[in-house]
Protein backbone atom coordinates (compact mmCIF):
# COMPACT_ATOMS: atom_id res chain seq x y z
CA MET A 1 6.88 -23.03 52.47
CA LYS A 2 6.18 -25.63 54.64
CA LEU A 3 6.66 -26.31 58.49
CA CYS A 4 6.41 -29.59 60.68
CA ASN A 5 6.99 -29.52 64.48
CA LEU A 6 8.81 -32.70 65.06
CA SER A 7 8.94 -32.16 68.99
CA SER A 8 8.24 -29.49 71.51
CA GLY A 9 8.50 -29.24 75.27
CA SER A 10 10.93 -29.27 78.01
CA ASN A 11 12.26 -32.80 77.04
CA GLY A 12 13.54 -31.78 73.38
CA ASN A 13 12.59 -29.27 70.53
CA CYS A 14 13.14 -29.62 66.83
CA THR A 15 10.96 -28.33 63.94
CA TYR A 16 11.40 -28.84 60.26
CA ILE A 17 11.08 -25.96 57.65
CA GLU A 18 11.33 -26.20 54.09
CA ALA A 19 11.31 -23.89 50.99
CA SER A 20 11.31 -25.42 47.41
CA LYS A 21 15.06 -26.00 47.52
CA THR A 22 16.14 -25.58 51.13
CA SER A 23 15.29 -27.59 54.07
CA VAL A 24 16.31 -26.90 57.55
CA LEU A 25 15.83 -27.78 61.19
CA VAL A 26 15.30 -25.27 64.10
CA ASP A 27 16.91 -26.82 67.15
CA ILE A 28 17.51 -30.56 67.47
CA GLY A 29 17.29 -30.68 71.41
CA ILE A 30 15.79 -34.77 70.79
CA SER A 31 17.97 -37.60 70.21
CA GLY A 32 19.77 -37.73 66.78
CA LYS A 33 17.96 -41.02 66.42
CA ARG A 34 14.64 -39.75 67.26
CA ALA A 35 15.14 -36.86 64.90
CA ILE A 36 15.86 -39.21 62.17
CA GLU A 37 12.82 -41.10 62.57
CA ALA A 38 10.76 -38.11 63.08
CA LEU A 39 11.82 -36.95 59.69
CA ALA A 40 11.34 -40.12 58.15
CA GLU A 41 7.40 -39.80 59.34
CA ILE A 42 7.39 -36.87 56.68
CA ASN A 43 9.13 -38.99 53.97
CA ILE A 44 12.56 -36.47 54.49
CA SER A 45 15.60 -38.00 54.46
CA PRO A 46 18.24 -36.46 56.68
CA PHE A 47 20.67 -36.23 53.84
CA ASP A 48 18.40 -33.52 52.52
CA ILE A 49 18.75 -31.28 55.95
CA ASN A 50 20.84 -28.16 54.51
CA ALA A 51 21.25 -26.86 57.68
CA ILE A 52 20.73 -26.63 61.52
CA PHE A 53 19.85 -23.36 63.28
CA ILE A 54 20.14 -23.17 67.21
CA THR A 55 18.01 -20.74 69.07
CA HIS A 56 20.59 -21.36 72.39
CA GLU A 57 22.63 -23.57 73.89
CA HIS A 58 20.34 -25.63 76.62
CA LEU A 59 19.96 -29.08 75.87
CA ASP A 60 16.60 -29.37 75.19
CA HIS A 61 17.60 -27.32 72.13
CA ILE A 62 20.90 -29.03 70.75
CA LYS A 63 20.95 -32.54 72.57
CA GLY A 64 21.06 -34.22 69.01
CA ALA A 65 22.69 -31.49 67.19
CA GLY A 66 26.13 -32.72 67.40
CA ILE A 67 25.25 -36.26 66.18
CA PHE A 68 23.30 -35.23 63.40
CA SER A 69 26.00 -33.30 62.01
CA ARG A 70 28.42 -35.60 62.30
CA LYS A 71 26.52 -38.38 60.55
CA PHE A 72 25.22 -36.45 57.79
CA ASN A 73 27.65 -33.93 57.57
CA THR A 74 25.38 -30.95 58.45
CA PRO A 75 26.35 -27.36 59.24
CA ILE A 76 25.13 -25.96 62.50
CA TYR A 77 24.34 -22.42 62.68
CA ALA A 78 24.50 -20.53 66.05
CA THR A 79 25.78 -17.16 67.29
CA ARG A 80 29.35 -16.64 68.35
CA LYS A 81 28.74 -16.55 71.97
CA THR A 82 26.65 -19.64 71.70
CA TRP A 83 29.17 -21.46 69.90
CA ASP A 84 31.69 -20.27 72.22
CA ILE A 85 29.66 -21.94 75.16
CA ILE A 86 28.74 -25.23 73.20
CA LEU A 87 32.48 -25.82 72.46
CA GLU A 88 33.95 -24.67 75.81
CA LYS A 89 31.69 -27.08 77.70
CA ASN A 90 31.48 -30.05 75.14
CA LEU A 91 27.86 -29.83 75.23
CA ILE A 92 27.47 -31.65 71.59
CA GLY A 93 30.56 -33.69 71.32
CA LYS A 94 33.08 -32.91 68.13
CA VAL A 95 31.62 -30.92 65.54
CA SER A 96 33.63 -30.59 62.27
CA SER A 97 34.77 -26.91 62.09
CA ASP A 98 33.59 -27.01 58.40
CA ASN A 99 30.41 -27.33 59.93
CA ILE A 100 30.62 -24.72 62.74
CA LYS A 101 28.73 -21.66 61.14
CA ILE A 102 28.43 -18.36 62.84
CA VAL A 103 25.11 -16.62 62.49
CA GLU A 104 24.80 -12.86 63.44
CA ARG A 105 21.82 -10.77 63.67
CA SER A 106 23.17 -7.89 61.59
CA ASN A 107 23.65 -10.19 58.63
CA PRO A 108 21.01 -12.74 57.31
CA VAL A 109 22.07 -16.02 55.92
CA PHE A 110 21.11 -16.85 52.31
CA MET A 111 20.43 -20.17 51.28
CA ASN A 112 19.36 -20.97 47.94
CA GLU A 113 15.93 -19.13 47.72
CA LEU A 114 15.79 -18.98 51.90
CA THR A 115 16.77 -15.99 53.61
CA ILE A 116 17.34 -16.70 57.43
CA LYS A 117 17.64 -13.89 59.68
CA ALA A 118 18.39 -14.24 63.77
CA PHE A 119 16.85 -11.51 66.15
CA GLU A 120 17.55 -10.97 69.94
CA ILE A 121 15.05 -12.61 72.24
CA SER A 122 15.28 -12.75 76.37
CA HIS A 123 16.09 -15.64 78.18
CA ASP A 124 18.70 -16.97 80.48
CA ALA A 125 21.30 -18.22 77.95
CA VAL A 126 24.48 -16.57 76.65
CA ASP A 127 22.89 -15.22 73.49
CA PRO A 128 19.43 -16.58 72.74
CA VAL A 129 17.65 -15.91 69.12
CA GLY A 130 14.27 -16.31 67.41
CA TYR A 131 14.66 -16.83 63.78
CA ILE A 132 12.65 -15.46 60.84
CA PHE A 133 12.73 -17.68 57.55
CA ASN A 134 11.58 -15.80 54.20
CA ASN A 135 11.25 -17.08 50.67
CA GLY A 136 10.58 -13.99 49.01
CA GLU A 137 7.02 -14.54 49.05
CA LYS A 138 6.23 -16.10 52.57
CA LYS A 139 7.49 -15.57 55.90
CA ILE A 140 7.66 -17.75 58.80
CA GLY A 141 8.43 -16.62 62.37
CA TYR A 142 10.15 -18.59 65.29
CA LEU A 143 10.00 -17.41 68.83
CA THR A 144 10.04 -20.03 72.02
CA ASP A 145 12.22 -19.27 75.29
CA CYS A 146 11.61 -15.57 75.75
CA GLY A 147 10.69 -14.15 78.83
CA ALA A 148 9.52 -10.94 77.60
CA VAL A 149 8.88 -8.97 74.41
CA ASP A 150 9.74 -5.99 73.45
CA LYS A 151 9.37 -3.42 70.49
CA GLY A 152 12.32 -4.94 68.23
CA ILE A 153 10.70 -8.78 68.54
CA LYS A 154 7.25 -7.37 67.60
CA ASN A 155 9.08 -5.68 64.35
CA GLU A 156 10.93 -9.05 63.50
CA LEU A 157 7.87 -10.84 63.86
CA SER A 158 5.44 -8.48 61.64
CA ASN A 159 3.93 -9.60 58.54
CA CYS A 160 4.20 -13.53 58.90
CA ASP A 161 2.02 -16.11 57.26
CA GLY A 162 2.64 -18.41 59.89
CA ILE A 163 4.58 -18.20 63.22
CA VAL A 164 5.85 -20.76 66.06
CA LEU A 165 5.12 -19.18 69.41
CA GLU A 166 5.92 -20.03 73.24
CA PHE A 167 3.00 -20.63 75.11
CA ASN A 168 4.96 -22.24 78.03
CA HIS A 169 2.88 -21.84 81.33
CA ASP A 170 -0.21 -20.96 83.03
CA PRO A 171 0.43 -18.66 85.67
CA ASN A 172 -1.72 -20.30 88.36
CA MET A 173 -0.20 -23.56 87.69
CA LEU A 174 3.15 -22.35 87.66
CA GLN A 175 2.14 -20.53 91.07
CA ILE A 176 0.66 -23.63 92.98
CA GLY A 177 3.11 -26.22 91.12
CA ARG A 178 5.46 -28.17 92.88
CA TYR A 179 8.65 -26.43 91.29
CA PRO A 180 10.98 -24.31 93.91
CA TYR A 181 10.67 -21.01 94.72
CA TYR A 182 13.57 -19.82 92.63
CA LEU A 183 12.76 -22.00 89.47
CA LYS A 184 9.12 -20.36 89.60
CA ARG A 185 10.72 -16.97 89.68
CA ARG A 186 13.29 -17.66 86.86
CA ILE A 187 10.04 -18.91 84.64
CA ALA A 188 8.11 -16.02 85.33
CA SER A 189 10.72 -13.53 85.02
CA ASP A 190 11.76 -11.39 81.90
CA ILE A 191 14.29 -13.94 81.16
CA GLY A 192 12.16 -16.68 81.64
CA HIS A 193 9.51 -17.84 79.12
CA LEU A 194 6.21 -16.42 78.14
CA SER A 195 3.02 -17.51 79.68
CA ASN A 196 -0.27 -18.18 77.60
CA ASP A 197 -1.67 -14.93 77.96
CA ASP A 198 1.54 -13.03 77.15
CA ALA A 199 1.69 -15.10 74.02
CA ALA A 200 -1.75 -14.86 73.29
CA ASN A 201 -1.81 -10.89 73.25
CA LEU A 202 1.50 -11.24 71.31
CA LEU A 203 -0.44 -13.09 68.62
CA ALA A 204 -3.21 -10.72 68.53
CA HIS A 205 -0.92 -7.81 68.50
CA LEU A 206 0.98 -9.79 65.36
CA TYR A 207 -2.10 -10.57 63.52
CA HIS A 208 -2.80 -9.31 60.02
CA LYS A 209 -4.57 -10.64 56.98
CA LYS A 210 -1.94 -12.72 55.63
CA LEU A 211 -1.47 -14.77 58.92
CA LYS A 212 -2.82 -18.08 58.47
CA TRP A 213 -1.76 -20.07 61.40
CA ALA A 214 0.04 -20.10 64.28
CA VAL A 215 1.79 -23.24 66.38
CA LEU A 216 1.44 -22.95 70.27
CA ALA A 217 4.72 -24.40 71.47
CA HIS A 218 7.37 -25.31 74.55
CA ILE A 219 4.37 -26.26 76.35
CA SER A 220 5.36 -26.99 80.05
CA ASN A 221 4.26 -30.40 81.17
CA GLU A 222 4.46 -29.38 84.79
CA ASN A 223 2.92 -26.00 84.68
CA ASN A 224 0.69 -25.99 81.85
CA ILE A 225 -1.65 -28.07 79.77
CA PRO A 226 -2.63 -27.84 75.87
CA GLU A 227 -6.15 -27.47 76.61
CA LEU A 228 -5.49 -23.94 78.79
CA ALA A 229 -2.92 -22.89 76.01
CA TYR A 230 -5.28 -23.43 73.35
CA LEU A 231 -8.19 -21.61 75.19
CA SER A 232 -6.15 -18.73 76.15
CA ALA A 233 -5.41 -17.88 72.38
CA LYS A 234 -8.90 -18.91 71.22
CA ASN A 235 -10.36 -16.59 73.74
CA ILE A 236 -8.44 -13.67 73.09
CA LEU A 237 -8.08 -13.70 69.65
CA GLU A 238 -11.98 -14.22 69.51
CA SER A 239 -12.01 -11.00 71.42
CA ASN A 240 -10.00 -9.29 68.87
CA ASN A 241 -12.23 -10.99 66.20
CA ILE A 242 -9.28 -12.84 64.94
CA ASN A 243 -9.61 -16.13 63.26
CA ILE A 244 -6.65 -18.33 62.51
CA LYS A 245 -5.87 -22.03 62.79
CA LEU A 246 -4.07 -22.61 65.77
CA TYR A 247 -1.93 -25.87 66.16
CA ILE A 248 -0.55 -27.50 69.37
CA ALA A 249 3.23 -28.70 69.25
CA GLN A 250 3.68 -32.19 71.36
CA GLN A 251 6.50 -33.72 72.53
CA LYS A 252 6.08 -37.22 71.27
CA LYS A 253 3.83 -36.26 68.48
CA LEU A 254 4.38 -34.53 65.30
CA SER A 255 2.41 -31.53 64.14
CA PRO A 256 0.51 -31.41 60.73
CA ILE A 257 2.71 -30.12 57.91
CA LEU A 258 1.73 -26.71 57.47
CA ILE A 259 1.70 -24.43 54.71
CA ALA A 260 2.44 -20.91 54.63
């Protein structure tokens, strides 16, 4: 399987995942135009996208999903509660009923050779999820926008060949930063976002000999810097004698195409 992060951060999130016969996007929180341009940079036609999988309803994850679906007749998968609030608040405009697809945590989606499984996470959205992508040989995990990690999340993310993981904030930068107190409290809470050390410790816990790489994602441009996220991951992994490839997901630049 292949993965390319197209954009990551508070201003929009979108990731491309490809198996041999199937191509999907995780979230389109960037404009539809920018998503098309980003796909073109890796020589992918938007008509070749089989589906969009939404993690939750916040606009930095769904902004371009509606226009992309309308333009290319692309199905959008989200949980029922997430779809309810998207439709109730008209967050992405009109979507064809044929392209409104429900994903349930208890029932994986089978799409050609690719199996997609949603799992429950902790965030201040109506029904947020992470995803597992498995082609029968390789497994990629996707977890962003999560304030706390429990045993269930760790179990879902076990035995991955590659993983996208939120490294949202540095606690010291968050504490002294310009955000109002209520927002700082929300970010640091169990329904907020993972700190660098939280994510790095999770990554160390998830390590096994097949894990090739991790993408450090959703790095705050107010309360973090990529160098801090990278050093946190590097230091904690090295202290556990772990050596894997680390990649920084950026807001305006695509990641390399990673092979799981």
